[in-house]
Amino acid sequence: MGPGQGVVFETYASAHGELMARIVLASSSPRRRELLTRAGIRFTVVEPPEDGRMPPGMCADLVAQLTARQKAVAVASSQPPGSFVLGADTIVVGPTGPLGKPGTPERARSMLEELRGRRHTVLTGICVIVAQSDREALGLGRSAVTMHHYTDEAIHTYVNSGEPLDRAGSYAIQGGGGDLIEAVTGRIDTVVGLDVPLALRLLAQAGYPDPLPAATDVPLAPPRAARRPLAPLRAATRV
């Protein structure tokens, strides 16, 4: 499915048959879709085009927010007036700077070696734009992640699973990468890819007219012994 094509992922009426304002998630991430769905949000998905390049030297906080806005703007231009378009972007900031998606096993191993036994920051920028209007809201979620002192063998096994190759920072906290994480300070959903309470606040700030659900913490899966490997939304310790 290409950019600009919608996914049938929503209904426009509440359980009482009332018409609801339309929320559009400008993202190709299944993790963000799952977080919004778990929060009880009704929405449609429209994948944005490829991210544009930001000017060199820009701080990661600003890059995350502006990239989220770039996605929301791109999708909002094709949506009906009054649609609430939600864009998000996640950046992993390692000890030597931002870590993107590795793309290759060699780069994934290098990133995981850099993060091993250390604490790093995960930023998720969020932007809400109301289509065909001047209303928008912008914000940033921030969490700190401490990694275990995992072995080279653990890195090798995880990289060979293929999961890290398209994940910022070379790990997925909700997948097998959760085994590499010692603790999270802040919201786990920020690390997954969407700070849900922040998204709800920004929707309200932008003027979303309908009641929004109360945000709770990410509902995480049970301990490893009770589930399959690489199950969705695996638990790391939260502090």
C-alpha atoms as a PDB file:
ATOM      1  CA  MET A   1       0.000   0.000   0.000  1.00  0.00           C
ATOM      2  CA  GLY A   2       1.486   3.326  -1.017  1.00  0.00           C
ATOM      3  CA  PRO A   3       1.556   6.728   0.688  1.00  0.00           C
ATOM      4  CA  GLY A   4      -1.781   8.505   0.789  1.00  0.00           C
ATOM      5  CA  GLN A   5      -3.813   5.295   0.642  1.00  0.00           C
ATOM      6  CA  GLY A   6      -6.125   4.729   3.575  1.00  0.00           C
ATOM      7  CA  VAL A   7      -6.661   1.588   5.596  1.00  0.00           C
ATOM      8  CA  VAL A   8     -10.189   0.636   6.632  1.00  0.00           C
ATOM      9  CA  PHE A   9      -9.564   0.769  10.379  1.00  0.00           C
ATOM     10  CA  GLU A  10     -12.389   2.837  11.817  1.00  0.00           C
ATOM     11  CA  THR A  11     -16.028   3.608  12.193  1.00  0.00           C
ATOM     12  CA  TYR A  12     -17.351   7.149  12.188  1.00  0.00           C
ATOM     13  CA  ALA A  13     -20.209   6.549  14.574  1.00  0.00           C
ATOM     14  CA  SER A  14     -20.172   5.884  18.282  1.00  0.00           C
ATOM     15  CA  ALA A  15     -21.959   2.950  19.897  1.00  0.00           C
ATOM     16  CA  HIS A  16     -25.002   5.212  20.180  1.00  0.00           C
ATOM     17  CA  GLY A  17     -25.025   5.987  16.458  1.00  0.00           C
ATOM     18  CA  GLU A  18     -23.746   9.547  16.881  1.00  0.00           C
ATOM     19  CA  LEU A  19     -21.416  10.969  14.256  1.00  0.00           C
ATOM     20  CA  MET A  20     -17.868  11.393  15.576  1.00  0.00           C
ATOM     21  CA  ALA A  21     -15.012  13.645  14.459  1.00  0.00           C
ATOM     22  CA  ARG A  22     -12.600  11.764  12.212  1.00  0.00           C
ATOM     23  CA  ILE A  23      -9.114  10.898  13.503  1.00  0.00           C
ATOM     24  CA  VAL A  24      -6.460   9.961  10.934  1.00  0.00           C
ATOM     25  CA  LEU A  25      -3.188   8.314  11.973  1.00  0.00           C
ATOM     26  CA  ALA A  26      -0.445   9.444   9.595  1.00  0.00           C
ATOM     27  CA  SER A  27       1.824   6.453  10.123  1.00  0.00           C
ATOM     28  CA  SER A  28       2.795   3.109   8.624  1.00  0.00           C
ATOM     29  CA  SER A  29       3.702   1.736  12.071  1.00  0.00           C
ATOM     30  CA  PRO A  30       1.613  -1.225  13.274  1.00  0.00           C
ATOM     31  CA  ARG A  31       2.852  -0.474  16.796  1.00  0.00           C
ATOM     32  CA  ARG A  32       1.232   2.968  16.804  1.00  0.00           C
ATOM     33  CA  ARG A  33      -1.973   1.479  15.426  1.00  0.00           C
ATOM     34  CA  GLU A  34      -2.007  -1.065  18.240  1.00  0.00           C
ATOM     35  CA  LEU A  35      -1.408   1.567  20.936  1.00  0.00           C
ATOM     36  CA  LEU A  36      -4.258   3.763  19.690  1.00  0.00           C
ATOM     37  CA  THR A  37      -6.560   0.765  19.376  1.00  0.00           C
ATOM     38  CA  ARG A  38      -5.740  -0.385  22.914  1.00  0.00           C
ATOM     39  CA  ALA A  39      -6.501   3.137  24.153  1.00  0.00           C
ATOM     40  CA  GLY A  40     -10.000   2.880  22.680  1.00  0.00           C
ATOM     41  CA  ILE A  41      -9.481   5.404  19.862  1.00  0.00           C
ATOM     42  CA  ARG A  42     -11.405   5.007  16.587  1.00  0.00           C
ATOM     43  CA  PHE A  43      -9.270   6.086  13.652  1.00  0.00           C
ATOM     44  CA  THR A  44      -8.311   5.542  10.059  1.00  0.00           C
ATOM     45  CA  VAL A  45      -4.743   5.091   8.796  1.00  0.00           C
ATOM     46  CA  VAL A  46      -3.170   6.968   5.900  1.00  0.00           C
ATOM     47  CA  GLU A  47       0.512   6.289   5.320  1.00  0.00           C
ATOM     48  CA  PRO A  48       2.597   9.457   4.831  1.00  0.00           C
ATOM     49  CA  PRO A  49       5.299   9.793   2.179  1.00  0.00           C
ATOM     50  CA  GLU A  50       8.956   9.177   3.041  1.00  0.00           C
ATOM     51  CA  ASP A  51      10.356  11.530   5.667  1.00  0.00           C
ATOM     52  CA  GLY A  52      12.144  14.583   4.303  1.00  0.00           C
ATOM     53  CA  ARG A  53      15.674  15.368   5.453  1.00  0.00           C
ATOM     54  CA  MET A  54      16.060  17.830   8.299  1.00  0.00           C
ATOM     55  CA  PRO A  55      18.847  20.447   8.300  1.00  0.00           C
ATOM     56  CA  PRO A  56      22.111  19.137   9.795  1.00  0.00           C
ATOM     57  CA  GLY A  57      22.915  20.170  13.342  1.00  0.00           C
ATOM     58  CA  MET A  58      19.290  20.334  14.518  1.00  0.00           C
ATOM     59  CA  CYS A  59      18.720  18.926  18.026  1.00  0.00           C
ATOM     60  CA  ALA A  60      16.957  15.577  18.271  1.00  0.00           C
ATOM     61  CA  ASP A  61      14.052  17.052  20.292  1.00  0.00           C
ATOM     62  CA  LEU A  62      13.210  19.410  17.454  1.00  0.00           C
ATOM     63  CA  VAL A  63      13.804  16.825  14.717  1.00  0.00           C
ATOM     64  CA  ALA A  64      11.314  14.406  16.313  1.00  0.00           C
ATOM     65  CA  GLN A  65       8.617  17.083  16.523  1.00  0.00           C
ATOM     66  CA  LEU A  66       9.195  18.579  13.084  1.00  0.00           C
ATOM     67  CA  THR A  67       9.272  15.152  11.422  1.00  0.00           C
ATOM     68  CA  ALA A  68       5.984  14.291  13.150  1.00  0.00           C
ATOM     69  CA  ARG A  69       4.549  17.572  11.858  1.00  0.00           C
ATOM     70  CA  GLN A  70       5.885  16.882   8.369  1.00  0.00           C
ATOM     71  CA  LYS A  71       4.003  13.572   8.307  1.00  0.00           C
ATOM     72  CA  ALA A  72       0.786  15.147   9.597  1.00  0.00           C
ATOM     73  CA  VAL A  73       0.954  18.029   7.094  1.00  0.00           C
ATOM     74  CA  ALA A  74       1.542  15.661   4.168  1.00  0.00           C
ATOM     75  CA  VAL A  75      -1.508  13.552   5.036  1.00  0.00           C
ATOM     76  CA  ALA A  76      -3.767  16.449   6.108  1.00  0.00           C
ATOM     77  CA  SER A  77      -3.531  18.016   2.647  1.00  0.00           C
ATOM     78  CA  SER A  78      -5.590  15.138   1.205  1.00  0.00           C
ATOM     79  CA  GLN A  79      -8.136  14.768   4.016  1.00  0.00           C
ATOM     80  CA  PRO A  80     -11.652  16.216   4.341  1.00  0.00           C
ATOM     81  CA  PRO A  81     -11.957  19.488   6.278  1.00  0.00           C
ATOM     82  CA  GLY A  82     -12.150  18.983  10.017  1.00  0.00           C
ATOM     83  CA  SER A  83     -10.226  15.678  10.058  1.00  0.00           C
ATOM     84  CA  PHE A  84      -7.811  15.405  13.003  1.00  0.00           C
ATOM     85  CA  VAL A  85      -4.533  14.110  11.587  1.00  0.00           C
ATOM     86  CA  LEU A  86      -2.047  12.605  14.055  1.00  0.00           C
ATOM     87  CA  GLY A  87       1.617  12.256  13.073  1.00  0.00           C
ATOM     88  CA  ALA A  88       4.448  10.828  15.184  1.00  0.00           C
ATOM     89  CA  ASP A  89       8.178  10.214  14.948  1.00  0.00           C
ATOM     90  CA  THR A  90      10.472   8.310  17.305  1.00  0.00           C
ATOM     91  CA  ILE A  91      14.207   8.901  17.720  1.00  0.00           C
ATOM     92  CA  VAL A  92      16.608   6.824  19.819  1.00  0.00           C
ATOM     93  CA  VAL A  93      19.475   8.973  21.131  1.00  0.00           C
ATOM     94  CA  GLY A  94      22.451   6.807  22.029  1.00  0.00           C
ATOM     95  CA  PRO A  95      25.686   7.740  23.801  1.00  0.00           C
ATOM     96  CA  THR A  96      27.148   9.134  20.565  1.00  0.00           C
ATOM     97  CA  GLY A  97      23.985  10.678  19.135  1.00  0.00           C
ATOM     98  CA  PRO A  98      20.763   9.693  17.308  1.00  0.00           C
ATOM     99  CA  LEU A  99      20.503   6.085  16.132  1.00  0.00           C
ATOM    100  CA  GLY A 100      18.262   5.437  13.152  1.00  0.00           C
ATOM    101  CA  LYS A 101      17.176   2.118  11.694  1.00  0.00           C
ATOM    102  CA  PRO A 102      20.270  -0.022  11.087  1.00  0.00           C
ATOM    103  CA  GLY A 103      19.194  -1.680   7.842  1.00  0.00           C
ATOM    104  CA  THR A 104      22.034  -4.240   7.976  1.00  0.00           C
ATOM    105  CA  PRO A 105      23.014  -6.895  10.541  1.00  0.00           C
ATOM    106  CA  GLU A 106      26.469  -5.335  10.891  1.00  0.00           C
ATOM    107  CA  ARG A 107      25.049  -1.919  11.792  1.00  0.00           C
ATOM    108  CA  ALA A 108      22.518  -3.496  14.159  1.00  0.00           C
ATOM    109  CA  ARG A 109      25.284  -5.300  16.036  1.00  0.00           C
ATOM    110  CA  SER A 110      27.282  -2.077  16.273  1.00  0.00           C
ATOM    111  CA  MET A 111      24.301  -0.165  17.708  1.00  0.00           C
ATOM    112  CA  LEU A 112      23.503  -2.844  20.271  1.00  0.00           C
ATOM    113  CA  GLU A 113      27.155  -2.933  21.369  1.00  0.00           C
ATOM    114  CA  GLU A 114      27.036   0.848  21.807  1.00  0.00           C
ATOM    115  CA  LEU A 115      23.888   0.663  23.958  1.00  0.00           C
ATOM    116  CA  ARG A 116      24.972  -2.348  26.056  1.00  0.00           C
ATOM    117  CA  GLY A 117      24.962  -1.679  29.797  1.00  0.00           C
ATOM    118  CA  ARG A 118      24.205   2.003  29.295  1.00  0.00           C
ATOM    119  CA  ARG A 119      21.301   4.400  29.552  1.00  0.00           C
ATOM    120  CA  HIS A 120      19.917   6.211  26.538  1.00  0.00           C
ATOM    121  CA  THR A 121      16.969   8.438  25.649  1.00  0.00           C
ATOM    122  CA  VAL A 122      13.976   7.739  23.406  1.00  0.00           C
ATOM    123  CA  LEU A 123      12.031  10.721  22.036  1.00  0.00           C
ATOM    124  CA  THR A 124       8.642  10.588  20.336  1.00  0.00           C
ATOM    125  CA  GLY A 125       7.411  13.772  18.686  1.00  0.00           C
ATOM    126  CA  ILE A 126       3.663  14.064  18.103  1.00  0.00           C
ATOM    127  CA  CYS A 127       1.708  16.534  16.000  1.00  0.00           C
ATOM    128  CA  VAL A 128      -2.031  16.948  15.531  1.00  0.00           C
ATOM    129  CA  ILE A 129      -3.262  19.015  12.585  1.00  0.00           C
ATOM    130  CA  VAL A 130      -6.888  19.769  11.757  1.00  0.00           C
ATOM    131  CA  ALA A 131      -7.224  19.414   7.977  1.00  0.00           C
ATOM    132  CA  GLN A 132      -8.049  22.550   5.979  1.00  0.00           C
ATOM    133  CA  SER A 133      -7.607  24.805   9.039  1.00  0.00           C
ATOM    134  CA  ASP A 134      -4.892  26.629  10.967  1.00  0.00           C
ATOM    135  CA  ARG A 135      -5.356  24.533  14.108  1.00  0.00           C
ATOM    136  CA  GLU A 136      -2.520  22.312  15.265  1.00  0.00           C
ATOM    137  CA  ALA A 137      -0.774  21.103  18.425  1.00  0.00           C
ATOM    138  CA  LEU A 138       2.770  19.814  18.853  1.00  0.00           C
ATOM    139  CA  GLY A 139       4.500  17.975  21.693  1.00  0.00           C
ATOM    140  CA  LEU A 140       7.304  15.633  22.721  1.00  0.00           C
ATOM    141  CA  GLY A 141       7.400  12.471  24.848  1.00  0.00           C
ATOM    142  CA  ARG A 142      10.677  11.460  26.499  1.00  0.00           C
ATOM    143  CA  SER A 143      11.730   8.246  28.252  1.00  0.00           C
ATOM    144  CA  ALA A 144      15.061   6.831  29.399  1.00  0.00           C
ATOM    145  CA  VAL A 145      15.990   3.197  28.730  1.00  0.00           C
ATOM    146  CA  THR A 146      18.693   1.267  30.587  1.00  0.00           C
ATOM    147  CA  MET A 147      20.050  -1.803  28.816  1.00  0.00           C
ATOM    148  CA  HIS A 148      21.308  -5.016  30.411  1.00  0.00           C
ATOM    149  CA  HIS A 149      24.969  -6.035  30.145  1.00  0.00           C
ATOM    150  CA  TYR A 150      23.957  -8.617  27.563  1.00  0.00           C
ATOM    151  CA  THR A 151      26.469 -10.915  25.916  1.00  0.00           C
ATOM    152  CA  ASP A 152      27.807 -10.947  22.380  1.00  0.00           C
ATOM    153  CA  GLU A 153      25.901 -14.197  21.925  1.00  0.00           C
ATOM    154  CA  ALA A 154      22.651 -12.453  22.913  1.00  0.00           C
ATOM    155  CA  ILE A 155      23.353  -9.748  20.340  1.00  0.00           C
ATOM    156  CA  HIS A 156      24.077 -12.376  17.686  1.00  0.00           C
ATOM    157  CA  THR A 157      20.860 -14.278  18.441  1.00  0.00           C
ATOM    158  CA  TYR A 158      18.714 -11.145  18.426  1.00  0.00           C
ATOM    159  CA  VAL A 159      20.211  -9.727  15.224  1.00  0.00           C
ATOM    160  CA  ASN A 160      19.735 -13.081  13.490  1.00  0.00           C
ATOM    161  CA  SER A 161      16.022 -12.925  14.341  1.00  0.00           C
ATOM    162  CA  GLY A 162      15.769 -10.033  11.874  1.00  0.00           C
ATOM    163  CA  GLU A 163      13.674  -7.913  14.235  1.00  0.00           C
ATOM    164  CA  PRO A 164      16.244  -5.126  14.843  1.00  0.00           C
ATOM    165  CA  LEU A 165      16.881  -4.268  11.205  1.00  0.00           C
ATOM    166  CA  ASP A 166      13.955  -1.851  10.752  1.00  0.00           C
ATOM    167  CA  ARG A 167      13.781  -0.527  14.321  1.00  0.00           C
ATOM    168  CA  ALA A 168      15.292   2.744  15.511  1.00  0.00           C
ATOM    169  CA  GLY A 169      18.179   1.909  17.819  1.00  0.00           C
ATOM    170  CA  SER A 170      18.127  -1.732  16.653  1.00  0.00           C
ATOM    171  CA  TYR A 171      15.630  -3.027  19.199  1.00  0.00           C
ATOM    172  CA  ALA A 172      11.897  -3.362  19.778  1.00  0.00           C
ATOM    173  CA  ILE A 173      10.881  -3.152  23.430  1.00  0.00           C
ATOM    174  CA  GLN A 174       7.541  -4.825  22.630  1.00  0.00           C
ATOM    175  CA  GLY A 175       9.303  -7.733  20.922  1.00  0.00           C
ATOM    176  CA  GLY A 176      12.440  -9.758  21.508  1.00  0.00           C
ATOM    177  CA  GLY A 177      14.352  -6.572  22.315  1.00  0.00           C
ATOM    178  CA  GLY A 178      12.515  -6.434  25.622  1.00  0.00           C
ATOM    179  CA  ASP A 179      14.884  -9.131  26.900  1.00  0.00           C
ATOM    180  CA  LEU A 180      17.806  -6.711  26.442  1.00  0.00           C
ATOM    181  CA  ILE A 181      16.242  -3.962  28.557  1.00  0.00           C
ATOM    182  CA  GLU A 182      16.818  -3.621  32.279  1.00  0.00           C
ATOM    183  CA  ALA A 183      14.491  -0.690  33.036  1.00  0.00           C
ATOM    184  CA  VAL A 184      12.500   2.184  31.560  1.00  0.00           C
ATOM    185  CA  THR A 185      12.161   5.553  33.255  1.00  0.00           C
ATOM    186  CA  GLY A 186       9.099   7.259  31.826  1.00  0.00           C
ATOM    187  CA  ARG A 187       6.318   5.862  29.680  1.00  0.00           C
ATOM    188  CA  ILE A 188       6.911   2.582  27.876  1.00  0.00           C
ATOM    189  CA  ASP A 189       4.537   3.599  25.074  1.00  0.00           C
ATOM    190  CA  THR A 190       6.899   6.465  24.219  1.00  0.00           C
ATOM    191  CA  VAL A 191       9.559   3.823  23.553  1.00  0.00           C
ATOM    192  CA  VAL A 192       7.110   1.706  21.554  1.00  0.00           C
ATOM    193  CA  GLY A 193       6.373   4.715  19.333  1.00  0.00           C
ATOM    194  CA  LEU A 194       3.491   6.821  20.680  1.00  0.00           C
ATOM    195  CA  ASP A 195       2.992   8.578  24.028  1.00  0.00           C
ATOM    196  CA  VAL A 196      -0.762   7.956  24.230  1.00  0.00           C
ATOM    197  CA  PRO A 197      -1.639  10.473  26.989  1.00  0.00           C
ATOM    198  CA  LEU A 198       0.296  13.156  25.108  1.00  0.00           C
ATOM    199  CA  ALA A 199      -1.528  12.282  21.879  1.00  0.00           C
ATOM    200  CA  LEU A 200      -4.874  12.603  23.656  1.00  0.00           C
ATOM    201  CA  ARG A 201      -3.893  15.962  25.160  1.00  0.00           C
ATOM    202  CA  LEU A 202      -2.824  17.270  21.770  1.00  0.00           C
ATOM    203  CA  LEU A 203      -6.079  16.135  20.174  1.00  0.00           C
ATOM    204  CA  ALA A 204      -7.937  18.066  22.871  1.00  0.00           C
ATOM    205  CA  GLN A 205      -5.706  21.134  22.423  1.00  0.00           C
ATOM    206  CA  ALA A 206      -6.410  21.098  18.695  1.00  0.00           C
ATOM    207  CA  GLY A 207     -10.133  21.193  19.474  1.00  0.00           C
ATOM    208  CA  TYR A 208     -11.255  17.577  19.138  1.00  0.00           C
ATOM    209  CA  PRO A 209     -14.971  17.899  19.973  1.00  0.00           C
ATOM    210  CA  ASP A 210     -15.863  14.406  21.176  1.00  0.00           C
ATOM    211  CA  PRO A 211     -15.067  12.705  24.511  1.00  0.00           C
ATOM    212  CA  LEU A 212     -11.690  10.965  24.543  1.00  0.00           C
ATOM    213  CA  PRO A 213     -10.883   7.918  26.675  1.00  0.00           C
ATOM    214  CA  ALA A 214      -8.838   8.309  29.828  1.00  0.00           C
ATOM    215  CA  ALA A 215      -5.268   7.279  29.054  1.00  0.00           C
ATOM    216  CA  THR A 216      -3.755   4.455  31.057  1.00  0.00           C
ATOM    217  CA  ASP A 217      -0.309   2.925  30.975  1.00  0.00           C
ATOM    218  CA  VAL A 218       0.535   0.491  28.186  1.00  0.00           C
ATOM    219  CA  PRO A 219      -1.134  -2.889  28.859  1.00  0.00           C
ATOM    220  CA  LEU A 220       1.861  -5.187  28.688  1.00  0.00           C
ATOM    221  CA  ALA A 221       1.948  -8.911  28.113  1.00  0.00           C
ATOM    222  CA  PRO A 222       2.483 -11.395  30.991  1.00  0.00           C
ATOM    223  CA  PRO A 223       5.973 -12.632  31.961  1.00  0.00           C
ATOM    224  CA  ARG A 224       7.984 -14.482  29.355  1.00  0.00           C
ATOM    225  CA  ALA A 225       7.311 -17.970  30.729  1.00  0.00           C
ATOM    226  CA  ALA A 226       3.627 -17.533  29.962  1.00  0.00           C
ATOM    227  CA  ARG A 227       3.959 -16.393  26.347  1.00  0.00           C
ATOM    228  CA  ARG A 228       5.600 -17.109  23.027  1.00  0.00           C
ATOM    229  CA  PRO A 229       8.960 -15.502  22.132  1.00  0.00           C
ATOM    230  CA  LEU A 230       8.676 -12.128  20.370  1.00  0.00           C
ATOM    231  CA  ALA A 231       5.080 -11.642  21.551  1.00  0.00           C
ATOM    232  CA  PRO A 232       3.683  -8.116  21.112  1.00  0.00           C
ATOM    233  CA  LEU A 233       4.195  -5.527  23.850  1.00  0.00           C
ATOM    234  CA  ARG A 234       6.579  -7.471  26.056  1.00  0.00           C
ATOM    235  CA  ALA A 235       7.243  -6.096  29.509  1.00  0.00           C
ATOM    236  CA  ALA A 236      10.350  -4.316  30.722  1.00  0.00           C
ATOM    237  CA  THR A 237      10.692  -3.069  34.267  1.00  0.00           C
ATOM    238  CA  ARG A 238       9.336   0.454  34.627  1.00  0.00           C
ATOM    239  CA  VAL A 239      10.804   2.765  37.271  1.00  0.00           C
END
